[in-house]
Amino acid sequence: MTFKREKQRIASSEVLQALAGGEDIRLDGCAISGDLDVNRLFVKDESFDTSHLEVGSRDETSVVTFSQSIVFNSCMFEGNVSFAGPWDKTDELTVIFKRDVAFNSSCFQGQTRFGGAVFRGLAGFDGCTFQRVVSFRRADFGARALFRTAQFDGYGLFNRVNFGKEVRFTNTCFSKGGNFTGVRFGEAADFGGCHSGSKAMPIYESVHFVRRRHGDEETFWRFVKQACTEAGYYQLAGESFYHERCANFWRRFRCLDRGDSSPVRRPGRVLRAVRLLPEFVFGRLLFGYGERPTRVLVAGLLIIIVCALFYASPYAEVRYRSDEQCRQLSHMDGLYFSTITFTTLGFGDLYPEQTNRTTKSVAMAEAISGACLMALFVVCLSKRFSRG
């Protein structure tokens, strides 16, 4: 059987009874009055017929399973909508949706709660408007989750949500921010065009992306970066920018494995991979996309120390200006010569032997690397301290 209505005003008790009876739900353009709260099914005074309702238990938690298809298209929910336990006892009830669930283009005027719910089919919330607090805490999405062009006028709680498949928040607005603490993204997460309607920035501690080497998180970090910038948290915006650039690199690297694998196109893919190598070595590892100045300092110190050990070894020939013959430098003099070479000072009291090509080559390489690393360090500092 199907509970089907179009452009009608329906009491929430009728919808709850249809859910309890296992009927497919198909409502288009309807207004649902009262609280659509699944907890009402277990209140004796409500007198619902729950003989066909699948109810079980798991670890002292009641489990309600809806096996039917549930579709609310362009509906208006005038009261609270709750497919979870009470606020103070959220662990007492778990709702499982076995088939697809769609609330596309619907408006939720009251509080909306799907905390701990399990979506085994498609979960569609495209174009929805949530005027008050909406909670998906600890929800488990086993299939695609769609929140495209949704409007969160209240606070959005997504902490500890598990997105097993792809999730799309394309062009979604979080007017008062959102909580993504402990969220697990199993596949691609599309936050393209996602924005904050105010200066409230999202909370994103311990966010986990299973496929970090696929670039799935690029648009998520872009959304966080823009929100942090508008809110004035420029250091957090810089960290988000670093994660965004890393994800962008891995996405482009993974694109090399896609498409035709014919031998004719293989040299082109190898060439594109070689072009990404300088960015990986210098932009990612060394430069940190301008957000890791300490890496530049560490790299410079390592070069100075390694070159100093070489200059103080028997394989190098460095002449004192006051000496007629070359002699092995002490470790202190080797460090001194390496430092002035790296910084391109060149006092002239020490210089490589003219006939020793190895020493001259090492000195030239150190001078070039020193000039480049010092420039990179200045760029990093200016980038980090000139935001705003």
Protein backbone atom coordinates (compact mmCIF):
# COMPACT_ATOMS: atom_id res chain seq x y z
CA MET A 1 0.00 0.00 0.00
CA THR A 2 1.02 3.58 -0.59
CA PHE A 3 0.17 6.61 1.52
CA LYS A 4 -0.04 9.19 -1.25
CA ARG A 5 -1.18 12.80 -1.05
CA GLU A 6 -0.66 15.94 -3.14
CA LYS A 7 -0.95 19.55 -1.97
CA GLN A 8 -2.93 18.75 1.15
CA ARG A 9 -2.68 19.60 4.82
CA ILE A 10 -2.04 16.43 6.78
CA ALA A 11 -1.75 15.78 10.48
CA SER A 12 1.56 14.29 11.56
CA SER A 13 -0.31 11.48 13.32
CA GLU A 14 -1.58 10.23 9.93
CA VAL A 15 1.97 10.10 8.59
CA LEU A 16 3.23 8.31 11.70
CA GLN A 17 0.49 5.71 11.42
CA ALA A 18 1.36 5.13 7.77
CA LEU A 19 5.00 4.67 8.75
CA ALA A 20 4.07 2.26 11.52
CA GLY A 21 1.86 0.29 9.12
CA GLY A 22 4.68 -0.22 6.63
CA GLU A 23 3.04 1.83 3.86
CA ASP A 24 5.13 3.54 1.21
CA ILE A 25 5.09 7.29 1.73
CA ARG A 26 4.63 9.61 -1.24
CA LEU A 27 3.75 13.20 -0.36
CA ASP A 28 4.08 16.08 -2.83
CA GLY A 29 3.63 19.72 -1.83
CA CYS A 30 1.90 18.83 1.42
CA ALA A 31 1.89 20.65 4.77
CA ILE A 32 2.40 18.39 7.79
CA SER A 33 1.04 19.86 11.01
CA GLY A 34 2.20 18.82 14.46
CA ASP A 35 5.38 17.07 15.51
CA LEU A 36 6.50 14.24 13.26
CA ASP A 37 8.24 12.49 16.15
CA VAL A 38 8.83 8.75 15.91
CA ASN A 39 8.93 8.58 19.73
CA ARG A 40 5.18 9.23 19.72
CA LEU A 41 4.65 5.70 18.40
CA PHE A 42 5.59 4.34 21.81
CA VAL A 43 3.44 6.69 23.90
CA LYS A 44 0.36 4.88 25.18
CA ASP A 45 -1.87 7.93 25.06
CA GLU A 46 -1.27 8.28 21.31
CA SER A 47 -2.91 4.87 20.56
CA PHE A 48 -0.99 4.10 17.37
CA ASP A 49 -1.28 0.66 15.79
CA THR A 50 2.31 -0.62 15.85
CA SER A 51 1.56 -4.28 15.18
CA HIS A 52 3.32 -4.10 11.79
CA LEU A 53 6.23 -1.97 13.02
CA GLU A 54 9.64 -3.63 13.02
CA VAL A 55 11.02 -3.04 16.51
CA GLY A 56 14.11 -4.68 17.97
CA SER A 57 16.83 -3.98 20.47
CA ARG A 58 20.60 -3.73 20.37
CA ASP A 59 22.79 -3.09 23.42
CA GLU A 60 19.91 -1.63 25.45
CA THR A 61 18.90 0.52 22.49
CA SER A 62 15.53 0.25 20.78
CA VAL A 63 15.83 -0.19 17.00
CA VAL A 64 12.99 0.85 14.68
CA THR A 65 13.28 -0.27 11.06
CA PHE A 66 11.34 1.31 8.20
CA SER A 67 11.48 -0.99 5.16
CA GLN A 68 9.25 1.11 2.91
CA SER A 69 10.12 3.88 0.49
CA ILE A 70 9.75 7.36 2.00
CA VAL A 71 9.40 10.40 -0.25
CA PHE A 72 8.49 13.94 0.83
CA ASN A 73 8.77 16.31 -2.13
CA SER A 74 8.38 20.05 -1.52
CA CYS A 75 6.63 19.49 1.80
CA MET A 76 6.28 21.86 4.73
CA PHE A 77 6.93 20.46 8.20
CA GLU A 78 5.34 22.92 10.61
CA GLY A 79 6.42 21.14 13.80
CA ASN A 80 9.52 19.31 14.93
CA VAL A 81 10.73 16.33 12.93
CA SER A 82 12.46 13.62 14.93
CA PHE A 83 13.69 10.23 13.77
CA ALA A 84 15.93 9.87 16.83
CA GLY A 85 15.70 9.49 20.57
CA PRO A 86 14.91 12.44 22.87
CA TRP A 87 17.55 15.14 23.29
CA ASP A 88 18.44 13.97 26.79
CA LYS A 89 18.41 10.24 25.88
CA THR A 90 19.65 10.10 22.31
CA ASP A 91 21.09 6.58 22.69
CA GLU A 92 17.73 5.04 23.55
CA LEU A 93 16.49 4.85 19.94
CA THR A 94 18.02 4.05 16.55
CA VAL A 95 16.02 4.44 13.33
CA ILE A 96 16.99 2.39 10.28
CA PHE A 97 15.83 3.32 6.77
CA LYS A 98 16.26 0.26 4.55
CA ARG A 99 15.24 1.93 1.30
CA ASP A 100 15.67 5.34 -0.28
CA VAL A 101 14.57 8.36 1.72
CA ALA A 102 13.93 11.71 0.05
CA PHE A 103 12.94 15.07 1.55
CA ASN A 104 13.89 17.10 -1.53
CA SER A 105 12.91 20.81 -1.56
CA SER A 106 11.12 20.48 1.78
CA CYS A 107 11.03 23.12 4.52
CA PHE A 108 11.56 22.21 8.16
CA GLN A 109 10.21 24.99 10.36
CA GLY A 110 10.93 23.26 13.66
CA GLN A 111 13.89 21.30 14.98
CA THR A 112 15.04 18.43 12.80
CA ARG A 113 16.76 15.38 14.28
CA PHE A 114 18.14 12.29 12.56
CA GLY A 115 20.74 11.58 15.24
CA GLY A 116 22.01 8.00 15.12
CA ALA A 117 19.83 7.14 12.12
CA VAL A 118 21.04 4.53 9.63
CA PHE A 119 20.42 5.24 5.93
CA ARG A 120 20.99 2.07 3.91
CA GLY A 121 19.56 3.60 0.76
CA LEU A 122 19.85 7.01 -0.85
CA ALA A 123 19.37 9.94 1.54
CA GLY A 124 18.10 12.93 -0.40
CA PHE A 125 17.87 16.39 1.19
CA ASP A 126 18.47 18.46 -1.96
CA GLY A 127 17.07 21.97 -1.80
CA CYS A 128 15.82 21.62 1.80
CA THR A 129 15.50 24.55 4.16
CA PHE A 130 16.19 23.94 7.85
CA GLN A 131 14.99 26.97 9.76
CA ARG A 132 16.12 25.74 13.19
CA VAL A 133 18.71 23.37 14.60
CA VAL A 134 19.23 20.20 12.57
CA SER A 135 21.06 17.21 13.99
CA PHE A 136 22.54 14.22 12.16
CA ARG A 137 24.86 13.27 15.04
CA ARG A 138 26.26 9.74 14.74
CA ALA A 139 24.16 9.06 11.64
CA ASP A 140 25.38 6.36 9.27
CA PHE A 141 24.93 6.90 5.53
CA GLY A 142 25.51 3.61 3.74
CA ALA A 143 24.66 5.01 0.30
CA ARG A 144 24.83 8.44 -1.34
CA ALA A 145 23.92 11.46 0.78
CA LEU A 146 22.69 14.54 -1.08
CA PHE A 147 22.44 17.99 0.53
CA ARG A 148 22.83 20.07 -2.63
CA THR A 149 21.58 23.70 -2.50
CA ALA A 150 20.29 23.14 1.04
CA GLN A 151 19.81 26.09 3.39
CA PHE A 152 20.78 25.65 7.04
CA ASP A 153 19.33 28.69 8.80
CA GLY A 154 19.99 27.03 12.17
CA TYR A 155 23.08 25.28 13.45
CA GLY A 156 23.96 22.05 11.61
CA LEU A 157 25.21 19.13 13.72
CA PHE A 158 27.07 16.50 11.70
CA ASN A 159 29.58 15.42 14.34
CA ARG A 160 30.62 11.76 14.28
CA VAL A 161 28.64 11.09 11.10
CA ASN A 162 29.82 8.25 8.88
CA PHE A 163 29.46 8.89 5.15
CA GLY A 164 30.16 5.48 3.65
CA LYS A 165 29.66 6.64 0.06
CA GLU A 166 29.90 9.98 -1.69
CA VAL A 167 28.27 13.01 -0.09
CA ARG A 168 27.39 16.24 -1.86
CA PHE A 169 26.89 19.63 -0.19
CA THR A 170 27.14 21.53 -3.47
CA ASN A 171 26.09 25.21 -3.15
CA THR A 172 24.82 24.64 0.39
CA CYS A 173 24.64 27.54 2.85
CA PHE A 174 25.40 27.19 6.58
CA SER A 175 24.03 30.42 7.98
CA LYS A 176 25.08 29.77 11.58
CA GLY A 177 27.89 27.30 11.06
CA GLY A 178 28.14 23.56 11.37
CA ASN A 179 29.86 20.93 13.45
CA PHE A 180 31.82 18.31 11.49
CA THR A 181 33.85 16.97 14.42
CA GLY A 182 34.84 13.34 13.96
CA VAL A 183 33.11 12.98 10.58
CA ARG A 184 34.30 10.07 8.45
CA PHE A 185 34.18 10.47 4.67
CA GLY A 186 34.46 7.10 2.95
CA GLU A 187 34.47 8.44 -0.61
CA ALA A 188 34.28 11.76 -2.44
CA ALA A 189 32.96 14.78 -0.55
CA ASP A 190 31.71 17.60 -2.77
CA PHE A 191 31.51 20.97 -1.00
CA GLY A 192 31.82 23.00 -4.18
CA GLY A 193 30.14 26.39 -3.81
CA CYS A 194 29.39 25.67 -0.15
CA HIS A 195 29.48 28.86 1.92
CA SER A 196 28.67 30.41 5.27
CA GLY A 197 25.94 33.01 5.46
CA SER A 198 27.57 34.73 8.43
CA LYS A 199 30.98 34.87 10.08
CA ALA A 200 30.38 31.57 11.85
CA MET A 201 33.03 29.07 10.85
CA PRO A 202 32.53 25.28 10.90
CA ILE A 203 34.10 23.03 13.53
CA TYR A 204 36.16 20.33 11.86
CA GLU A 205 38.34 18.63 14.46
CA SER A 206 39.37 15.02 13.77
CA VAL A 207 37.78 14.94 10.32
CA HIS A 208 38.85 11.72 8.60
CA PHE A 209 39.02 11.12 4.87
CA VAL A 210 39.51 7.45 4.04
CA ARG A 211 40.87 8.14 0.55
CA ARG A 212 43.32 10.91 1.36
CA ARG A 213 45.42 10.05 -1.69
CA HIS A 214 42.51 10.65 -4.07
CA GLY A 215 41.92 14.36 -3.39
CA ASP A 216 38.37 13.76 -2.15
CA GLU A 217 38.67 16.48 0.48
CA GLU A 218 39.70 19.41 -1.74
CA THR A 219 36.34 21.21 -1.81
CA PHE A 220 35.80 20.61 1.92
CA TRP A 221 39.01 22.43 2.84
CA ARG A 222 38.17 25.20 0.36
CA PHE A 223 34.86 25.73 2.15
CA VAL A 224 36.59 25.79 5.54
CA LYS A 225 39.24 28.20 4.22
CA GLN A 226 36.66 30.67 2.94
CA ALA A 227 34.63 30.49 6.15
CA CYS A 228 37.75 31.03 8.32
CA THR A 229 38.88 33.95 6.18
CA GLU A 230 35.50 35.69 6.47
CA ALA A 231 35.48 35.08 10.22
CA GLY A 232 39.00 36.51 10.62
CA TYR A 233 40.77 33.27 11.61
CA TYR A 234 43.63 33.67 9.16
CA GLN A 235 45.93 31.07 10.65
CA LEU A 236 43.22 28.41 10.39
CA ALA A 237 42.53 29.63 6.87
CA GLY A 238 46.21 29.07 6.05
CA GLU A 239 46.08 25.52 7.40
CA SER A 240 42.97 24.84 5.34
CA PHE A 241 44.70 26.27 2.28
CA TYR A 242 47.59 23.83 2.81
CA HIS A 243 45.23 20.84 3.03
CA GLU A 244 43.35 22.09 -0.02
CA ARG A 245 46.52 22.31 -2.12
CA CYS A 246 47.66 18.86 -0.99
CA ALA A 247 44.29 17.39 -1.99
CA ASN A 248 44.45 19.21 -5.32
CA PHE A 249 47.86 17.68 -6.02
CA TRP A 250 46.67 14.14 -5.26
CA ARG A 251 43.56 14.63 -7.37
CA ARG A 252 45.65 15.64 -10.38
CA PHE A 253 48.06 12.78 -9.72
CA ARG A 254 45.19 10.27 -9.61
CA CYS A 255 43.80 11.62 -12.87
CA LEU A 256 46.89 10.22 -14.60
CA ASP A 257 45.59 6.69 -13.98
CA ARG A 258 42.22 7.34 -15.60
CA GLY A 259 41.15 7.09 -19.18
CA ASP A 260 42.72 5.17 -22.00
CA SER A 261 45.71 3.03 -20.95
CA SER A 262 46.97 2.41 -24.49
CA PRO A 263 50.74 2.39 -25.06
CA VAL A 264 50.38 5.37 -27.40
CA ARG A 265 49.18 7.66 -24.59
CA ARG A 266 51.46 6.22 -21.93
CA PRO A 267 54.40 8.60 -22.68
CA GLY A 268 52.06 11.58 -22.27
CA ARG A 269 50.95 10.38 -18.83
CA VAL A 270 54.57 9.83 -17.81
CA LEU A 271 55.42 13.37 -18.94
CA ARG A 272 52.56 14.84 -16.90
CA ALA A 273 53.70 12.85 -13.88
CA VAL A 274 57.23 14.23 -14.27
CA ARG A 275 55.80 17.75 -14.39
CA LEU A 276 54.14 17.16 -11.01
CA LEU A 277 57.41 16.06 -9.42
CA PRO A 278 58.83 19.60 -8.83
CA GLU A 279 55.59 20.66 -7.16
CA PHE A 280 55.66 17.60 -4.91
CA VAL A 281 59.29 18.09 -3.87
CA PHE A 282 59.40 21.88 -3.59
CA GLY A 283 55.79 23.01 -3.24
CA ARG A 284 54.52 20.22 -1.00
CA LEU A 285 57.48 18.80 0.94
CA LEU A 286 59.86 21.77 1.15
CA PHE A 287 57.77 24.90 0.78
CA GLY A 288 54.53 23.57 2.28
CA TYR A 289 52.66 25.83 -0.17
CA GLY A 290 53.83 28.79 1.87
CA GLU A 291 52.40 27.50 5.16
CA ARG A 292 55.43 25.62 6.55
CA PRO A 293 58.33 28.09 7.02
CA THR A 294 60.02 25.83 9.59
CA ARG A 295 60.56 23.25 6.86
CA VAL A 296 62.64 25.78 4.94
CA LEU A 297 64.73 26.48 8.04
CA VAL A 298 65.29 22.79 8.70
CA ALA A 299 66.27 22.18 5.07
CA GLY A 300 68.76 25.06 5.22
CA LEU A 301 70.33 23.79 8.43
CA LEU A 302 70.69 20.30 6.98
CA ILE A 303 72.42 21.65 3.87
CA ILE A 304 74.82 23.74 5.97
CA ILE A 305 75.72 20.81 8.24
CA VAL A 306 76.16 18.29 5.40
CA CYS A 307 78.34 20.68 3.40
CA ALA A 308 80.33 21.54 6.54
CA LEU A 309 81.13 17.87 7.06
CA PHE A 310 82.29 17.64 3.46
CA TYR A 311 84.50 20.74 3.69
CA ALA A 312 86.14 19.32 6.83
CA SER A 313 86.80 15.95 5.17
CA PRO A 314 89.94 14.87 3.31
CA TYR A 315 88.00 14.89 0.01
CA ALA A 316 87.62 18.68 -0.01
CA GLU A 317 90.31 21.24 -0.72
CA VAL A 318 89.69 24.65 0.80
CA ARG A 319 92.53 27.16 0.96
CA TYR A 320 93.16 29.79 3.59
CA ARG A 321 94.09 33.09 2.03
CA SER A 322 97.15 33.32 4.30
CA ASP A 323 98.38 29.79 3.45
CA GLU A 324 100.31 28.76 0.39
CA GLN A 325 99.06 25.16 0.50
CA CYS A 326 95.71 23.56 1.20
CA ARG A 327 95.18 21.82 4.49
CA GLN A 328 92.21 19.98 5.98
CA LEU A 329 89.78 22.25 7.78
CA SER A 330 88.62 21.71 11.30
CA HIS A 331 84.93 21.05 11.90
CA MET A 332 84.47 24.60 13.16
CA ASP A 333 86.15 26.11 10.11
CA GLY A 334 84.14 23.78 7.86
CA LEU A 335 80.93 24.99 9.49
CA TYR A 336 82.09 28.60 9.14
CA PHE A 337 82.91 28.21 5.45
CA SER A 338 79.62 26.37 4.81
CA THR A 339 77.62 29.13 6.52
CA ILE A 340 79.17 32.02 4.60
CA THR A 341 78.81 30.06 1.35
CA PHE A 342 75.14 29.25 2.03
CA THR A 343 74.36 32.88 2.84
CA THR A 344 76.47 34.06 -0.17
CA LEU A 345 78.55 36.40 2.03
CA GLY A 346 81.95 35.33 0.70
CA PHE A 347 84.45 37.10 3.05
CA GLY A 348 87.37 35.82 1.00
CA ASP A 349 89.45 34.39 3.87
CA LEU A 350 88.53 30.88 2.71
CA TYR A 351 87.96 29.73 -0.85
CA PRO A 352 87.91 26.44 -2.78
CA GLU A 353 91.06 25.23 -4.47
CA GLN A 354 90.96 26.26 -8.11
CA THR A 355 91.92 22.83 -9.39
CA ASN A 356 89.42 20.85 -7.25
CA ARG A 357 86.22 20.63 -9.28
CA THR A 358 84.34 18.66 -6.61
CA THR A 359 84.78 21.31 -3.94
CA LYS A 360 83.91 24.08 -6.36
CA SER A 361 80.77 22.23 -7.50
CA VAL A 362 79.60 21.67 -3.92
CA ALA A 363 80.22 25.33 -3.08
CA MET A 364 78.27 26.50 -6.13
CA ALA A 365 75.36 24.17 -5.38
CA GLU A 366 75.26 25.31 -1.75
CA ALA A 367 75.29 28.98 -2.73
CA ILE A 368 72.41 28.51 -5.18
CA SER A 369 70.35 26.49 -2.70
CA GLY A 370 71.04 29.06 0.01
CA ALA A 371 69.81 31.95 -2.13
CA CYS A 372 66.65 30.02 -3.08
CA LEU A 373 65.85 28.84 0.45
CA MET A 374 66.33 32.28 1.98
CA ALA A 375 63.95 33.72 -0.60
CA LEU A 376 61.42 30.99 0.12
CA PHE A 377 61.66 31.66 3.85
CA VAL A 378 60.98 35.37 3.36
CA VAL A 379 57.99 34.55 1.15
CA CYS A 380 56.60 32.15 3.78
CA LEU A 381 56.90 34.72 6.56
CA SER A 382 55.37 37.51 4.51
CA LYS A 383 52.50 35.25 3.47
CA ARG A 384 51.71 34.16 7.03
CA PHE A 385 51.98 37.59 8.66
CA SER A 386 50.38 39.79 6.02
CA ARG A 387 46.93 38.16 5.95
CA GLY A 388 43.83 40.20 6.45
